[in-house]
Amino acid sequence: MGGRNETQIMYFILLGFPTTSELQLLLFSALLLVYLLTVLENLLIILIILKNPSLQKPMYLFLGNLSFLEIWYVSVIEPKMIMDVLSHDKHISFQGCLAQLHFFVALVCTEYVLLAVMACDRFLAICKPLRYPLIMRHKLCAQLVAACWMCGFTTSSIKLSFIGQLSFCDVDKINHYFCDISPLLNISCSDSSAAELADFILALLVILVPLCTVVASYICILVTVLKIPSSQGRQKAFSTCSSHLAVVILFYSSTLFTYAHPKLSYTYSANKLVSVLYTVVVPLLNPLIYCLRNKEVRLAMRKTFICR
């Protein structure tokens, strides 16, 4: 190890974003507001779906699960991130870091698979409308949701089993605002080749397979929509999946930029900035996209709040 201190460290220091004391309060207030809005928006979507019988459909069952997932997704990252803005103590325990990493990876992987399932649901609804009610029964929908969560947590457990075997010695500073895999691989003082290989293989499976599923589904949807003779019919068909497509583009583009790079790219601050997109900005925008672009959700929202 070239004389490196082999004493196992007990905590890490999250470097986060360097900022001046004048901007700390502003950044703290902005991040806190975004976090509270994100949680509130997703809770409102869950409430609207539960309270409106017109939304008791497979599409909205998946949307409700996506909102539930994103509440936990932002809660794993943002509270610690917000506190660290004002705090001089940016420590996180070794066990706390692994716990944050485990839930973050599990929720991200679950979202990848869930978005692919939602794309398949839109494919069946538009391309196979007569068979759709027979295929997408409540039992199958529940099984698909459970499979998404199982896939996410299984993938995370495998990745964490490799990360947990690494040694972290004299370097205790993580060049990030939360515990992610590549920053941890960068500071490990033991051979991380097995962990890198496992991370790469699982990333291919969890990212590329859902991505290919989404692309194939929307190619079929596009072909089917273009065959509809009336422009009004085409617009109505595509409007049912435009919000999902917007969410997919936002989430996949931001995460692919980060995780398509090798671990050494995490030495650049650009990765931290892009990470803000999928950990802070995208979860904030997703409920707005579904509310603004989905007519059924807008009508259900008016019924839920105006009637009351």
Protein backbone atom coordinates (compact mmCIF):
# COMPACT_ATOMS: atom_id res chain seq x y z
CA MET A 1 0.00 0.00 0.00
CA GLY A 2 3.00 2.26 -0.28
CA GLY A 3 3.17 3.16 3.41
CA ARG A 4 -0.47 4.25 3.70
CA ASN A 5 -2.04 4.15 7.14
CA GLU A 6 -4.05 0.92 7.36
CA THR A 7 -6.17 2.03 10.34
CA GLN A 8 -9.82 1.65 9.37
CA ILE A 9 -11.55 5.03 9.50
CA MET A 10 -14.79 5.43 11.44
CA TYR A 11 -16.29 8.37 9.55
CA PHE A 12 -16.14 10.36 6.32
CA ILE A 13 -16.22 14.09 5.63
CA LEU A 14 -18.56 15.15 2.83
CA LEU A 15 -16.92 18.09 1.05
CA GLY A 16 -20.14 19.13 -0.67
CA PHE A 17 -20.16 22.47 -2.47
CA PRO A 18 -17.71 25.21 -1.47
CA THR A 19 -19.61 28.42 -0.76
CA THR A 20 -19.12 31.77 0.94
CA SER A 21 -20.65 32.58 4.31
CA GLU A 22 -22.87 35.20 2.62
CA LEU A 23 -24.44 32.57 0.35
CA GLN A 24 -24.84 29.84 2.96
CA LEU A 25 -28.16 31.08 4.35
CA LEU A 26 -29.55 31.63 0.85
CA LEU A 27 -28.50 28.15 -0.30
CA PHE A 28 -29.88 26.61 2.90
CA SER A 29 -33.24 28.34 2.44
CA ALA A 30 -33.47 27.38 -1.24
CA LEU A 31 -32.65 23.71 -0.64
CA LEU A 32 -35.03 23.49 2.31
CA LEU A 33 -37.84 25.04 0.27
CA VAL A 34 -37.21 22.66 -2.64
CA TYR A 35 -37.19 19.64 -0.31
CA LEU A 36 -40.45 20.62 1.40
CA LEU A 37 -42.13 21.36 -1.95
CA THR A 38 -40.99 18.02 -3.38
CA VAL A 39 -42.40 16.06 -0.44
CA LEU A 40 -45.63 18.08 -0.46
CA GLU A 41 -46.15 17.68 -4.23
CA ASN A 42 -45.69 13.93 -4.12
CA LEU A 43 -47.94 13.57 -1.07
CA LEU A 44 -50.63 15.52 -2.92
CA ILE A 45 -50.41 13.21 -5.94
CA ILE A 46 -50.75 10.15 -3.68
CA LEU A 47 -53.76 11.76 -1.94
CA ILE A 48 -55.42 12.68 -5.25
CA ILE A 49 -55.01 9.14 -6.61
CA LEU A 50 -56.39 7.57 -3.42
CA LYS A 51 -59.39 9.93 -3.21
CA ASN A 52 -60.54 9.75 -6.84
CA PRO A 53 -62.14 6.55 -8.21
CA SER A 54 -61.49 7.80 -11.76
CA LEU A 55 -57.75 7.39 -11.11
CA GLN A 56 -57.96 3.78 -9.92
CA LYS A 57 -56.18 2.59 -13.04
CA PRO A 58 -52.84 0.82 -13.60
CA MET A 59 -51.21 4.01 -14.90
CA TYR A 60 -52.01 5.88 -11.69
CA LEU A 61 -51.13 2.95 -9.46
CA PHE A 62 -47.64 3.16 -10.94
CA LEU A 63 -47.64 6.96 -10.64
CA GLY A 64 -48.60 6.73 -6.96
CA ASN A 65 -45.72 4.34 -6.36
CA LEU A 66 -43.36 6.69 -8.20
CA SER A 67 -44.45 9.55 -5.93
CA PHE A 68 -44.04 7.36 -2.83
CA LEU A 69 -40.58 6.34 -4.05
CA GLU A 70 -39.48 9.92 -4.65
CA ILE A 71 -40.49 11.04 -1.16
CA TRP A 72 -38.02 8.53 0.27
CA TYR A 73 -35.54 9.17 -2.53
CA VAL A 74 -35.11 12.86 -1.66
CA SER A 75 -35.31 12.15 2.07
CA VAL A 76 -32.26 9.89 1.87
CA ILE A 77 -30.10 12.68 0.39
CA GLU A 78 -31.46 16.16 0.99
CA PRO A 79 -31.85 16.50 4.81
CA LYS A 80 -28.13 15.73 5.37
CA MET A 81 -27.22 17.93 2.39
CA ILE A 82 -29.28 20.84 3.80
CA MET A 83 -27.79 20.55 7.30
CA ASP A 84 -24.25 20.45 5.94
CA VAL A 85 -24.71 23.81 4.22
CA LEU A 86 -24.76 25.64 7.57
CA SER A 87 -22.86 23.12 9.68
CA HIS A 88 -19.10 23.10 10.16
CA ASP A 89 -19.33 19.42 11.10
CA LYS A 90 -19.83 17.60 7.80
CA HIS A 91 -19.02 14.17 9.22
CA ILE A 92 -21.01 11.07 8.43
CA SER A 93 -20.28 7.79 10.17
CA PHE A 94 -19.02 4.82 8.17
CA GLN A 95 -22.22 2.89 8.91
CA GLY A 96 -24.33 5.96 8.14
CA CYS A 97 -22.57 6.41 4.81
CA LEU A 98 -23.18 2.79 3.80
CA ALA A 99 -26.82 3.06 4.88
CA GLN A 100 -27.31 6.21 2.79
CA LEU A 101 -25.60 4.55 -0.16
CA HIS A 102 -27.74 1.41 0.17
CA PHE A 103 -31.07 3.23 0.15
CA PHE A 104 -30.01 5.70 -2.53
CA VAL A 105 -28.88 2.96 -4.94
CA ALA A 106 -31.96 0.85 -4.15
CA LEU A 107 -34.35 3.72 -4.85
CA VAL A 108 -32.56 4.83 -8.04
CA CYS A 109 -32.58 1.27 -9.41
CA THR A 110 -36.23 0.87 -8.46
CA GLU A 111 -37.09 4.06 -10.34
CA TYR A 112 -35.27 2.86 -13.46
CA VAL A 113 -37.30 -0.34 -13.53
CA LEU A 114 -40.57 1.36 -12.54
CA LEU A 115 -40.26 3.89 -15.38
CA ALA A 116 -39.73 0.96 -17.79
CA VAL A 117 -42.86 -0.77 -16.42
CA MET A 118 -44.81 2.46 -16.89
CA ALA A 119 -43.60 2.61 -20.51
CA CYS A 120 -44.84 -0.96 -21.08
CA ASP A 121 -48.17 0.01 -19.54
CA ARG A 122 -48.50 2.90 -22.03
CA PHE A 123 -47.49 0.56 -24.87
CA LEU A 124 -50.27 -1.89 -23.99
CA ALA A 125 -52.85 0.88 -23.49
CA ILE A 126 -52.16 2.49 -26.88
CA CYS A 127 -51.03 -0.42 -29.06
CA LYS A 128 -53.23 -3.19 -27.57
CA PRO A 129 -56.29 -1.29 -26.26
CA LEU A 130 -58.72 -4.23 -26.47
CA ARG A 131 -56.44 -6.61 -24.58
CA TYR A 132 -55.22 -3.98 -22.10
CA PRO A 133 -57.96 -4.48 -19.45
CA LEU A 134 -57.46 -8.26 -19.61
CA ILE A 135 -53.68 -8.04 -19.23
CA MET A 136 -53.20 -5.19 -16.75
CA ARG A 137 -55.30 -6.51 -13.91
CA HIS A 138 -54.80 -5.25 -10.38
CA LYS A 139 -52.97 -8.41 -9.30
CA LEU A 140 -50.44 -8.14 -12.14
CA CYS A 141 -49.90 -4.44 -11.43
CA ALA A 142 -49.19 -5.19 -7.77
CA GLN A 143 -46.77 -7.95 -8.77
CA LEU A 144 -44.95 -5.61 -11.19
CA VAL A 145 -44.60 -2.93 -8.50
CA ALA A 146 -43.28 -5.49 -6.02
CA ALA A 147 -40.80 -6.76 -8.64
CA CYS A 148 -39.53 -3.20 -9.19
CA TRP A 149 -38.82 -2.72 -5.48
CA MET A 150 -37.28 -6.18 -5.18
CA CYS A 151 -35.00 -5.54 -8.16
CA GLY A 152 -33.85 -2.23 -6.71
CA PHE A 153 -33.04 -3.51 -3.24
CA THR A 154 -31.44 -6.71 -4.53
CA THR A 155 -29.16 -4.73 -6.84
CA SER A 156 -28.23 -2.37 -4.02
CA SER A 157 -27.48 -5.25 -1.64
CA ILE A 158 -25.13 -6.87 -4.17
CA LYS A 159 -23.30 -3.59 -4.80
CA LEU A 160 -23.04 -2.86 -1.09
CA SER A 161 -21.62 -6.32 -0.37
CA PHE A 162 -18.63 -5.41 -2.57
CA ILE A 163 -18.28 -1.85 -1.21
CA GLY A 164 -18.39 -3.15 2.36
CA GLN A 165 -15.31 -5.30 1.72
CA LEU A 166 -13.15 -2.30 0.79
CA SER A 167 -10.73 -0.62 3.19
CA PHE A 168 -10.69 3.14 3.71
CA CYS A 169 -7.49 4.29 5.37
CA ASP A 170 -5.92 7.73 5.67
CA VAL A 171 -8.22 9.46 3.17
CA ASP A 172 -11.57 10.27 4.79
CA LYS A 173 -12.80 13.10 2.55
CA ILE A 174 -15.53 12.33 -0.02
CA ASN A 175 -15.65 14.79 -2.91
CA HIS A 176 -19.45 14.82 -3.01
CA TYR A 177 -22.48 15.98 -1.01
CA PHE A 178 -23.68 12.41 -0.34
CA CYS A 179 -22.25 8.90 -0.27
CA ASP A 180 -22.16 7.54 -3.80
CA ILE A 181 -20.31 4.54 -5.21
CA SER A 182 -17.70 6.19 -7.43
CA PRO A 183 -16.46 8.72 -4.82
CA LEU A 184 -16.04 5.83 -2.36
CA LEU A 185 -14.14 3.77 -4.92
CA ASN A 186 -11.84 6.74 -5.49
CA ILE A 187 -10.72 6.94 -1.86
CA SER A 188 -10.45 3.20 -1.15
CA CYS A 189 -6.94 2.04 -0.22
CA SER A 190 -7.61 -1.60 -1.18
CA ASP A 191 -8.06 -3.28 -4.54
CA SER A 192 -11.45 -2.12 -5.81
CA SER A 193 -11.40 -3.89 -9.19
CA ALA A 194 -14.02 -6.47 -8.14
CA ALA A 195 -16.33 -3.76 -6.79
CA GLU A 196 -15.86 -1.71 -9.98
CA LEU A 197 -16.65 -4.73 -12.18
CA ALA A 198 -19.77 -5.61 -10.17
CA ASP A 199 -20.90 -1.99 -10.27
CA PHE A 200 -20.36 -1.82 -14.04
CA ILE A 201 -22.21 -5.07 -14.80
CA LEU A 202 -25.16 -4.23 -12.56
CA ALA A 203 -25.30 -0.70 -13.99
CA LEU A 204 -25.53 -2.17 -17.49
CA LEU A 205 -28.40 -4.42 -16.45
CA VAL A 206 -30.33 -1.90 -14.38
CA ILE A 207 -29.86 1.08 -16.71
CA LEU A 208 -29.61 -0.32 -20.23
CA VAL A 209 -32.32 -3.00 -20.01
CA PRO A 210 -35.00 -0.56 -18.77
CA LEU A 211 -33.74 2.09 -21.21
CA CYS A 212 -34.06 -0.33 -24.15
CA THR A 213 -37.52 -1.30 -22.92
CA VAL A 214 -38.57 2.37 -22.80
CA VAL A 215 -37.15 3.11 -26.26
CA ALA A 216 -38.78 0.01 -27.82
CA SER A 217 -42.13 0.83 -26.18
CA TYR A 218 -42.14 4.39 -27.46
CA ILE A 219 -41.10 3.37 -30.97
CA CYS A 220 -44.13 1.05 -31.07
CA ILE A 221 -46.33 3.79 -29.58
CA LEU A 222 -45.11 6.31 -32.18
CA VAL A 223 -45.79 3.90 -35.06
CA THR A 224 -49.29 3.18 -33.73
CA VAL A 225 -50.12 6.85 -33.12
CA LEU A 226 -49.01 7.84 -36.63
CA LYS A 227 -51.46 5.29 -38.09
CA ILE A 228 -54.42 7.06 -36.42
CA PRO A 229 -56.20 8.94 -39.24
CA SER A 230 -57.41 12.03 -37.32
CA SER A 231 -55.06 14.59 -35.79
CA GLN A 232 -57.36 14.83 -32.76
CA GLY A 233 -57.07 11.09 -32.21
CA ARG A 234 -53.29 11.22 -32.50
CA GLN A 235 -53.10 14.07 -30.03
CA LYS A 236 -55.38 12.29 -27.55
CA ALA A 237 -53.38 9.04 -27.77
CA PHE A 238 -50.01 10.69 -27.33
CA SER A 239 -51.21 12.99 -24.51
CA THR A 240 -51.65 9.94 -22.26
CA CYS A 241 -47.92 9.21 -22.34
CA SER A 242 -46.31 12.63 -22.92
CA SER A 243 -45.88 13.33 -19.21
CA HIS A 244 -44.22 9.95 -18.63
CA LEU A 245 -41.91 10.54 -21.60
CA ALA A 246 -40.87 13.93 -20.21
CA VAL A 247 -40.06 12.37 -16.80
CA VAL A 248 -38.07 9.56 -18.47
CA ILE A 249 -36.00 12.02 -20.50
CA LEU A 250 -35.20 14.15 -17.45
CA PHE A 251 -34.26 11.23 -15.19
CA TYR A 252 -32.38 9.07 -17.68
CA SER A 253 -30.39 11.91 -19.27
CA SER A 254 -29.13 13.27 -15.95
CA THR A 255 -28.25 9.89 -14.44
CA LEU A 256 -26.67 8.52 -17.62
CA PHE A 257 -24.33 11.52 -17.74
CA THR A 258 -23.07 10.64 -14.26
CA TYR A 259 -22.97 6.85 -14.30
CA ALA A 260 -21.77 6.35 -17.87
CA HIS A 261 -18.36 7.71 -16.85
CA PRO A 262 -15.53 5.78 -15.16
CA LYS A 263 -14.89 6.39 -11.49
CA LEU A 264 -12.01 8.83 -12.11
CA SER A 265 -14.43 11.35 -13.60
CA TYR A 266 -15.72 12.03 -10.10
CA THR A 267 -12.70 14.22 -9.50
CA TYR A 268 -14.50 16.87 -11.56
CA SER A 269 -17.12 19.12 -9.99
CA ALA A 270 -19.33 18.79 -13.09
CA ASN A 271 -20.55 15.42 -11.81
CA LYS A 272 -21.68 16.98 -8.56
CA LEU A 273 -23.60 19.65 -10.44
CA VAL A 274 -25.32 17.05 -12.63
CA SER A 275 -26.10 15.00 -9.52
CA VAL A 276 -28.11 17.97 -8.24
CA LEU A 277 -30.36 17.53 -11.27
CA TYR A 278 -31.49 13.98 -10.46
CA THR A 279 -31.41 14.28 -6.65
CA VAL A 280 -32.99 17.73 -6.27
CA VAL A 281 -34.39 19.23 -9.49
CA VAL A 282 -35.97 16.21 -11.23
CA PRO A 283 -37.94 15.00 -8.14
CA LEU A 284 -39.27 18.56 -7.80
CA LEU A 285 -40.34 18.76 -11.45
CA ASN A 286 -41.86 15.27 -11.84
CA PRO A 287 -45.13 15.96 -9.93
CA LEU A 288 -45.50 19.29 -11.75
CA ILE A 289 -45.09 17.56 -15.12
CA TYR A 290 -47.73 14.95 -14.29
CA CYS A 291 -50.14 17.58 -12.96
CA LEU A 292 -49.68 20.11 -15.76
CA ARG A 293 -49.57 17.71 -18.71
CA ASN A 294 -52.14 15.13 -17.58
CA LYS A 295 -55.76 16.16 -18.01
CA GLU A 296 -57.17 13.43 -15.75
CA VAL A 297 -54.88 14.44 -12.88
CA ARG A 298 -55.82 18.11 -13.30
CA LEU A 299 -59.54 17.29 -13.24
CA ALA A 300 -59.12 15.02 -10.21
CA MET A 301 -57.16 17.74 -8.42
CA ARG A 302 -59.97 20.25 -8.99
CA LYS A 303 -62.55 17.75 -7.73
CA THR A 304 -60.48 16.96 -4.64
CA PHE A 305 -59.83 20.53 -3.52
CA ILE A 306 -62.42 22.82 -5.12
CA CYS A 307 -65.38 20.61 -4.20
CA ARG A 308 -64.18 20.44 -0.65
